Amino acid sequence: MPSLNVNFLDSLPWRALAGPLARAEDALARLDERLRASPIRHGWIERAHFADACASLWIEGELAHLEDLVLHDAHMDVRAPTTELLRAARVLAARRQIFAAAPDWALSPAGLVTLRGGGFLPEGEGRAETVFADQDEEGAGALFADGDDPADDDPLAAELAALDAALARANLALELKPVVAREDRDPLVYDLDWDEDERLDQWRNGVAATVDLPPALAAAIAAVLWDDIEPLQHVDWLGRLLAAALLRQRGKTASHLMCVNCGARAAGRLRRKQGDLETKILFWLAAILAAADQGLKDHDRWLLARASREGRLKGRRGTSRLPQALDLALEKPIVTPELLAKALNVSARAGQDLIAGLGLRELTGRRRYRAWGIL
């Protein structure tokens, strides 16, 4: 296991880091302030979640199509989801969960246990297996708490009740993510000598040592330490999200969650683990700067696209669904007539008319499926 020397902060090359750090901090501040009062803030955040999830797979050498992820998220897959698509969906869900929670939740012990998808809670936090078992029993027993038990002489009602109870237990299992003991892991998939809890504590100690550093530099060091220590097996992408969560915890990105994966993609993923400490920190500072600059460009472009289509809303009836369709087109990188129909509770033909009314541009060919977008 790599050893962490917290004194590495004393030897940081401040002369080399000062310029990139100042530019990254300024770019982040400009983007966050622009989004704070932006009329398309919600749409920007939703689009950023999708783009960052796909970029996370790209960094790891995999490919997840953006349009496939949008349709999978809407439960409208056109084919069986691939392994890469499921991994991108997991990153997407983690980003949403981090942003929806309190700023300090992701880096807390409870947040780390939830985001890592299992593991062992720190001492004093309680055992997840016990919580799961207790809530499982409560959830199953509460289905007929009001005295609505099916009659014993009605076999169909009894079968339906058993099915409802099984579905309730399955939903609880998916929400609680019960812990898998280390000794129960498949040795062909996991290295049983890999002590994830100890490595994770080591990473948290390194992050705690950066408490007095500027937020962008602290996030860059957190990402470097995650790559060097590798706390979790098969969950490399979580470290990049935690670096973005650290910026939000320190108050640097109060209005959004930074697209650290998009920035790392723009900065060149091959540089991520090469060189000495200075080179790695400079890479992540460049990634933060690239993410902020791209976020500003995307915001201005989407805001202009929205303004150019607001004229189409004038003179419409009060019951028109065109304003809601425009908001949905800003939230999703792509839309389809079926997606609009499902979201707005209209027919597929009405969804096609809404696309035509907004003047959306077709983004995909006919061979796979037809989808449109505002840009």
Protein backbone atom coordinates (compact mmCIF):
# COMPACT_ATOMS: atom_id res chain seq x y z
CA MET A 1 0.00 0.00 0.00
CA PRO A 2 1.36 3.45 -0.87
CA SER A 3 2.32 5.46 2.17
CA LEU A 4 1.14 9.02 2.62
CA ASN A 5 3.42 11.62 4.08
CA VAL A 6 1.33 14.61 5.13
CA ASN A 7 4.48 16.74 5.05
CA PHE A 8 4.34 16.76 1.27
CA LEU A 9 2.37 20.02 1.56
CA ASP A 10 5.47 21.75 2.91
CA SER A 11 7.38 21.04 -0.28
CA LEU A 12 4.76 22.23 -2.78
CA PRO A 13 6.29 24.28 -5.65
CA TRP A 14 4.29 27.44 -5.00
CA ARG A 15 6.06 29.45 -7.70
CA ALA A 16 4.98 26.95 -10.37
CA LEU A 17 1.46 26.52 -8.95
CA ALA A 18 0.58 30.17 -8.32
CA GLY A 19 -0.35 31.12 -11.89
CA PRO A 20 -2.45 28.04 -12.80
CA LEU A 21 -4.10 28.13 -9.37
CA ALA A 22 -5.15 31.78 -9.73
CA ARG A 23 -6.58 31.17 -13.21
CA ALA A 24 -8.52 28.10 -12.07
CA GLU A 25 -9.93 29.89 -9.02
CA ASP A 26 -11.01 32.91 -11.10
CA ALA A 27 -12.67 30.76 -13.77
CA LEU A 28 -14.58 28.77 -11.17
CA ALA A 29 -15.77 31.93 -9.46
CA ARG A 30 -16.97 33.44 -12.76
CA LEU A 31 -18.89 30.30 -13.71
CA ASP A 32 -20.53 29.91 -10.31
CA GLU A 33 -21.59 33.55 -10.20
CA ARG A 34 -22.96 33.33 -13.75
CA LEU A 35 -25.04 30.29 -12.82
CA ARG A 36 -26.24 31.71 -9.51
CA ALA A 37 -28.71 34.10 -11.18
CA SER A 38 -29.03 32.35 -14.54
CA PRO A 39 -32.52 31.57 -15.88
CA ILE A 40 -31.22 28.29 -17.31
CA ARG A 41 -29.30 27.18 -14.21
CA HIS A 42 -31.39 24.05 -13.71
CA GLY A 43 -31.08 23.06 -17.37
CA TRP A 44 -27.32 23.68 -17.32
CA ILE A 45 -26.90 21.48 -14.26
CA GLU A 46 -28.91 18.62 -15.76
CA ARG A 47 -26.99 18.73 -19.02
CA ALA A 48 -23.72 18.89 -17.10
CA HIS A 49 -24.63 15.72 -15.21
CA PHE A 50 -25.08 13.78 -18.46
CA ALA A 51 -21.95 15.18 -20.11
CA ASP A 52 -19.77 14.52 -17.08
CA ALA A 53 -21.02 10.94 -16.72
CA CYS A 54 -20.10 10.16 -20.34
CA ALA A 55 -16.73 11.90 -19.93
CA SER A 56 -16.01 9.72 -16.88
CA LEU A 57 -16.26 6.60 -19.05
CA TRP A 58 -14.12 8.21 -21.75
CA ILE A 59 -11.34 8.86 -19.23
CA GLU A 60 -11.32 5.16 -18.35
CA GLY A 61 -11.08 4.16 -22.01
CA GLU A 62 -14.75 3.21 -22.41
CA LEU A 63 -17.53 4.72 -24.50
CA ALA A 64 -21.08 5.54 -23.45
CA HIS A 65 -23.19 7.41 -26.00
CA LEU A 66 -24.84 10.52 -24.64
CA GLU A 67 -28.14 9.84 -26.40
CA ASP A 68 -28.23 6.29 -25.03
CA LEU A 69 -27.68 7.59 -21.51
CA VAL A 70 -30.50 10.13 -21.84
CA LEU A 71 -32.95 7.49 -23.02
CA HIS A 72 -31.78 5.00 -20.40
CA ASP A 73 -32.30 7.61 -17.70
CA ALA A 74 -35.86 8.12 -18.98
CA HIS A 75 -36.43 4.30 -19.01
CA MET A 76 -36.88 4.43 -22.78
CA ASP A 77 -33.94 2.30 -23.96
CA VAL A 78 -34.01 1.31 -27.60
CA ARG A 79 -31.84 -1.75 -26.87
CA ALA A 80 -30.48 -3.71 -23.93
CA PRO A 81 -28.12 -1.45 -21.96
CA THR A 82 -24.42 -2.23 -22.20
CA THR A 83 -22.04 -2.51 -19.26
CA GLU A 84 -20.55 0.87 -20.13
CA LEU A 85 -24.00 2.46 -20.19
CA LEU A 86 -24.85 1.04 -16.77
CA ARG A 87 -21.58 2.40 -15.37
CA ALA A 88 -22.32 5.82 -16.84
CA ALA A 89 -25.78 5.68 -15.27
CA ARG A 90 -24.17 4.97 -11.91
CA VAL A 91 -21.92 8.01 -12.26
CA LEU A 92 -24.95 10.08 -13.26
CA ALA A 93 -26.88 8.92 -10.19
CA ALA A 94 -23.91 9.66 -7.93
CA ARG A 95 -23.56 13.19 -9.30
CA ARG A 96 -27.23 13.88 -8.74
CA GLN A 97 -27.08 12.45 -5.24
CA ILE A 98 -24.05 14.57 -4.32
CA PHE A 99 -25.60 17.75 -5.66
CA ALA A 100 -28.99 17.12 -4.02
CA ALA A 101 -27.42 16.53 -0.59
CA ALA A 102 -25.82 19.02 1.78
CA PRO A 103 -22.41 20.35 0.65
CA ASP A 104 -20.52 18.39 3.32
CA TRP A 105 -22.44 15.13 2.90
CA ALA A 106 -20.33 13.48 0.18
CA LEU A 107 -17.09 13.64 2.20
CA SER A 108 -18.71 12.54 5.47
CA PRO A 109 -18.45 8.91 6.65
CA ALA A 110 -22.13 8.29 5.87
CA GLY A 111 -21.80 9.84 2.42
CA LEU A 112 -18.72 7.81 1.54
CA VAL A 113 -20.43 4.58 2.60
CA THR A 114 -23.42 5.39 0.43
CA LEU A 115 -21.43 6.48 -2.61
CA ARG A 116 -19.03 3.55 -2.56
CA GLY A 117 -21.99 1.18 -2.78
CA GLY A 118 -21.25 -0.89 0.31
CA GLY A 119 -18.26 -1.54 2.51
CA PHE A 120 -17.76 -1.27 6.26
CA LEU A 121 -18.96 1.67 8.27
CA PRO A 122 -16.45 3.32 10.57
CA GLU A 123 -16.63 2.34 14.20
CA GLY A 124 -19.45 4.09 16.03
CA GLU A 125 -21.50 4.61 12.85
CA GLY A 126 -23.49 1.37 13.19
CA ARG A 127 -23.66 -1.64 10.91
CA ALA A 128 -25.47 -1.29 7.61
CA GLU A 129 -26.61 -4.91 7.71
CA THR A 130 -28.58 -4.25 10.90
CA VAL A 131 -30.20 -1.14 9.47
CA PHE A 132 -31.13 -3.00 6.32
CA ALA A 133 -32.67 -5.90 8.19
CA ASP A 134 -34.70 -3.65 10.49
CA GLN A 135 -36.07 -1.50 7.70
CA ASP A 136 -36.72 -4.54 5.55
CA GLU A 137 -38.98 -6.02 8.22
CA GLU A 138 -40.70 -2.68 8.79
CA GLY A 139 -41.29 -2.16 5.07
CA ALA A 140 -42.71 -5.63 4.56
CA GLY A 141 -44.91 -5.47 7.63
CA ALA A 142 -46.26 -2.02 6.86
CA LEU A 143 -47.92 -3.05 3.61
CA PHE A 144 -51.12 -4.03 5.39
CA ALA A 145 -50.72 -2.04 8.57
CA ASP A 146 -54.25 -0.63 8.31
CA GLY A 147 -55.95 -3.97 8.55
CA ASP A 148 -56.23 -4.52 4.78
CA ASP A 149 -54.87 -8.07 4.85
CA PRO A 150 -56.25 -10.13 1.98
CA ALA A 151 -58.90 -12.61 2.92
CA ASP A 152 -57.70 -16.13 3.44
CA ASP A 153 -60.37 -17.44 1.08
CA ASP A 154 -59.16 -15.30 -1.84
CA PRO A 155 -56.11 -16.97 -3.43
CA LEU A 156 -55.65 -14.20 -6.00
CA ALA A 157 -55.56 -11.49 -3.35
CA ALA A 158 -53.05 -13.50 -1.35
CA GLU A 159 -50.81 -13.93 -4.40
CA LEU A 160 -50.98 -10.21 -5.19
CA ALA A 161 -50.17 -9.37 -1.58
CA ALA A 162 -47.11 -11.63 -1.66
CA LEU A 163 -46.00 -9.97 -4.92
CA ASP A 164 -46.37 -6.50 -3.38
CA ALA A 165 -44.33 -7.56 -0.36
CA ALA A 166 -41.57 -8.94 -2.60
CA LEU A 167 -41.47 -5.71 -4.61
CA ALA A 168 -41.25 -3.68 -1.40
CA ARG A 169 -38.31 -5.76 -0.18
CA ALA A 170 -36.58 -5.39 -3.56
CA ASN A 171 -37.01 -1.61 -3.49
CA LEU A 172 -35.57 -1.46 0.01
CA ALA A 173 -32.61 -3.57 -1.08
CA LEU A 174 -31.88 -1.25 -4.00
CA GLU A 175 -32.14 1.87 -1.85
CA LEU A 176 -30.11 0.63 1.11
CA LYS A 177 -27.36 -1.22 -0.82
CA PRO A 178 -26.59 -3.89 1.80
CA VAL A 179 -22.94 -4.37 2.69
CA VAL A 180 -20.96 -7.18 1.10
CA ALA A 181 -18.42 -8.61 3.53
CA ARG A 182 -14.82 -8.64 2.37
CA GLU A 183 -14.53 -12.39 2.83
CA ASP A 184 -17.60 -12.95 0.64
CA ARG A 185 -16.11 -11.21 -2.39
CA ASP A 186 -15.10 -13.18 -5.44
CA PRO A 187 -11.27 -13.49 -5.46
CA LEU A 188 -11.34 -13.47 -9.26
CA VAL A 189 -12.82 -9.97 -9.20
CA TYR A 190 -11.41 -8.44 -6.01
CA ASP A 191 -7.98 -8.46 -4.42
CA LEU A 192 -8.77 -9.77 -0.94
CA ASP A 193 -5.60 -8.19 0.48
CA TRP A 194 -6.78 -4.77 -0.65
CA ASP A 195 -7.87 -3.03 2.55
CA GLU A 196 -10.29 -0.45 1.22
CA ASP A 197 -11.18 0.99 4.61
CA GLU A 198 -7.57 1.64 5.55
CA ARG A 199 -6.81 3.19 2.17
CA LEU A 200 -9.92 5.34 2.37
CA ASP A 201 -8.93 6.58 5.83
CA GLN A 202 -5.49 7.37 4.46
CA TRP A 203 -7.04 9.42 1.66
CA ARG A 204 -9.33 11.26 4.08
CA ASN A 205 -6.33 12.15 6.25
CA GLY A 206 -4.57 13.60 3.23
CA VAL A 207 -7.65 15.64 2.30
CA ALA A 208 -7.97 16.88 5.89
CA ALA A 209 -4.40 18.19 5.69
CA THR A 210 -5.45 20.56 2.87
CA VAL A 211 -8.03 22.39 4.97
CA ASP A 212 -6.05 25.67 4.89
CA LEU A 213 -5.25 25.54 1.17
CA PRO A 214 -7.23 27.32 -1.58
CA PRO A 215 -10.23 25.22 -2.68
CA ALA A 216 -9.01 24.54 -6.24
CA LEU A 217 -5.61 23.40 -4.99
CA ALA A 218 -7.21 21.23 -2.32
CA ALA A 219 -9.44 19.58 -4.95
CA ALA A 220 -6.45 18.96 -7.23
CA ILE A 221 -4.49 17.36 -4.37
CA ALA A 222 -7.52 15.23 -3.43
CA ALA A 223 -7.70 13.92 -7.01
CA VAL A 224 -3.95 13.22 -7.08
CA LEU A 225 -4.10 11.34 -3.77
CA TRP A 226 -7.03 9.25 -4.98
CA ASP A 227 -5.10 8.21 -8.08
CA ASP A 228 -1.99 7.38 -6.02
CA ILE A 229 -3.68 5.59 -3.10
CA GLU A 230 -6.51 3.95 -5.12
CA PRO A 231 -8.77 3.44 -2.09
CA LEU A 232 -11.57 1.50 -3.80
CA GLN A 233 -11.32 -1.31 -6.30
CA HIS A 234 -13.33 -0.80 -9.51
CA VAL A 235 -14.63 2.62 -8.37
CA ASP A 236 -11.92 4.92 -9.71
CA TRP A 237 -14.50 7.41 -10.96
CA LEU A 238 -15.66 8.24 -7.42
CA GLY A 239 -12.45 10.12 -6.59
CA ARG A 240 -13.09 12.67 -9.32
CA LEU A 241 -16.62 13.30 -8.07
CA LEU A 242 -15.34 13.70 -4.53
CA ALA A 243 -12.86 16.32 -5.75
CA ALA A 244 -15.80 18.23 -7.24
CA ALA A 245 -17.71 17.74 -3.98
CA LEU A 246 -14.75 19.20 -2.09
CA LEU A 247 -15.01 22.40 -4.12
CA ARG A 248 -18.68 22.62 -3.22
CA GLN A 249 -17.97 21.88 0.44
CA ARG A 250 -15.41 24.70 0.57
CA GLY A 251 -17.97 27.12 -0.92
CA LYS A 252 -16.18 27.63 -4.23
CA THR A 253 -18.97 26.12 -6.36
CA ALA A 254 -22.10 26.82 -4.33
CA SER A 255 -24.36 26.97 -7.43
CA HIS A 256 -23.17 23.87 -9.28
CA LEU A 257 -21.09 20.70 -9.14
CA MET A 258 -17.98 21.06 -11.25
CA CYS A 259 -17.66 18.82 -14.30
CA VAL A 260 -14.25 17.49 -13.31
CA ASN A 261 -14.44 14.61 -15.80
CA CYS A 262 -15.11 16.95 -18.72
CA GLY A 263 -12.16 19.05 -17.64
CA ALA A 264 -9.87 16.04 -17.33
CA ARG A 265 -10.94 14.90 -20.79
CA ALA A 266 -10.11 18.29 -22.26
CA ALA A 267 -6.75 18.40 -20.44
CA GLY A 268 -5.72 14.99 -21.80
CA ARG A 269 -6.26 11.87 -19.71
CA LEU A 270 -2.81 10.40 -20.51
CA ARG A 271 -1.19 13.12 -18.39
CA ARG A 272 -3.26 12.28 -15.33
CA LYS A 273 -0.95 9.72 -13.71
CA GLN A 274 2.37 10.70 -15.25
CA GLY A 275 5.22 12.67 -13.72
CA ASP A 276 5.90 13.88 -10.23
CA LEU A 277 3.57 15.52 -7.73
CA GLU A 278 3.95 18.96 -9.32
CA THR A 279 3.02 17.65 -12.77
CA LYS A 280 -0.05 15.84 -11.46
CA ILE A 281 -1.31 18.85 -9.52
CA LEU A 282 -0.77 21.08 -12.56
CA PHE A 283 -2.81 18.62 -14.64
CA TRP A 284 -5.79 18.81 -12.30
CA LEU A 285 -5.57 22.59 -12.09
CA ALA A 286 -5.62 22.65 -15.89
CA ALA A 287 -8.63 20.30 -15.81
CA ILE A 288 -10.48 22.61 -13.41
CA LEU A 289 -9.72 25.59 -15.63
CA ALA A 290 -10.86 23.73 -18.75
CA ALA A 291 -14.09 22.62 -17.06
CA ALA A 292 -14.91 26.16 -15.95
CA ASP A 293 -14.13 27.69 -19.35
CA GLN A 294 -16.22 25.08 -21.15
CA GLY A 295 -19.04 25.58 -18.68
CA LEU A 296 -19.11 29.31 -19.40
CA LYS A 297 -19.15 28.73 -23.16
CA ASP A 298 -21.94 26.16 -22.88
CA HIS A 299 -23.99 28.45 -20.65
CA ASP A 300 -23.76 31.38 -23.05
CA ARG A 301 -24.56 29.19 -26.05
CA TRP A 302 -27.59 27.58 -24.40
CA LEU A 303 -28.82 30.92 -23.11
CA LEU A 304 -28.63 32.35 -26.64
CA ALA A 305 -30.46 29.32 -28.03
CA ARG A 306 -33.21 29.77 -25.45
CA ALA A 307 -33.56 33.48 -26.23
CA SER A 308 -33.77 32.78 -29.95
CA ARG A 309 -36.70 30.41 -29.42
CA GLU A 310 -38.64 32.45 -26.89
CA GLY A 311 -40.20 34.35 -29.79
CA ARG A 312 -41.96 31.16 -30.80
CA LEU A 313 -43.84 31.19 -27.49
CA LYS A 314 -45.53 34.54 -28.14
CA GLY A 315 -49.21 34.42 -29.04
CA ARG A 316 -49.62 30.85 -27.84
CA ARG A 317 -52.63 29.75 -25.86
CA GLY A 318 -52.36 29.50 -22.09
CA THR A 319 -52.73 25.71 -22.33
CA SER A 320 -49.86 25.33 -24.80
CA ARG A 321 -47.16 22.83 -23.84
CA LEU A 322 -44.52 24.61 -25.87
CA PRO A 323 -42.95 26.44 -22.85
CA GLN A 324 -42.61 23.16 -20.96
CA ALA A 325 -41.16 21.52 -24.05
CA LEU A 326 -38.57 24.29 -24.33
CA ASP A 327 -37.57 23.82 -20.68
CA LEU A 328 -37.25 20.07 -21.23
CA ALA A 329 -35.14 20.60 -24.36
CA LEU A 330 -32.80 22.75 -22.25
CA GLU A 331 -32.55 20.09 -19.54
CA LYS A 332 -31.88 17.13 -21.85
CA PRO A 333 -29.06 16.95 -24.40
CA ILE A 334 -31.52 15.24 -26.75
CA VAL A 335 -35.28 14.83 -26.89
CA THR A 336 -37.53 12.50 -28.85
CA PRO A 337 -41.27 12.70 -29.51
CA GLU A 338 -41.76 9.76 -27.16
CA LEU A 339 -39.71 11.42 -24.41
CA LEU A 340 -41.73 14.64 -24.72
CA ALA A 341 -44.94 12.66 -24.77
CA LYS A 342 -44.01 10.82 -21.59
CA ALA A 343 -42.78 13.90 -19.73
CA LEU A 344 -45.66 16.22 -20.76
CA ASN A 345 -48.41 13.59 -20.84
CA VAL A 346 -49.29 14.13 -24.48
CA SER A 347 -49.40 11.89 -27.53
CA ALA A 348 -46.35 11.02 -29.61
CA ARG A 349 -47.82 13.01 -32.50
CA ALA A 350 -48.16 16.03 -30.22
CA GLY A 351 -44.54 15.52 -29.17
CA GLN A 352 -43.51 15.63 -32.83
CA ASP A 353 -45.48 18.87 -33.28
CA LEU A 354 -43.73 20.39 -30.25
CA ILE A 355 -40.34 19.56 -31.76
CA ALA A 356 -41.35 21.22 -35.00
CA GLY A 357 -42.77 24.21 -33.13
CA LEU A 358 -39.48 24.77 -31.31
CA GLY A 359 -37.39 24.34 -34.44
CA LEU A 360 -35.07 21.79 -32.85
CA ARG A 361 -32.23 20.37 -34.91
CA GLU A 362 -32.08 16.65 -35.62
CA LEU A 363 -28.95 15.21 -34.00
CA THR A 364 -29.05 11.51 -34.87
CA GLY A 365 -29.57 9.52 -38.04
CA ARG A 366 -32.45 7.30 -38.98
CA ARG A 367 -30.47 4.07 -38.67
CA ARG A 368 -30.43 4.08 -34.87
CA TYR A 369 -33.29 6.36 -33.85
CA ARG A 370 -34.28 9.94 -34.44
CA ALA A 371 -33.57 12.49 -31.75
CA TRP A 372 -33.50 16.26 -31.65
CA GLY A 373 -31.74 18.90 -29.60
CA ILE A 374 -31.73 22.61 -28.99
CA LEU A 375 -28.11 22.80 -30.21
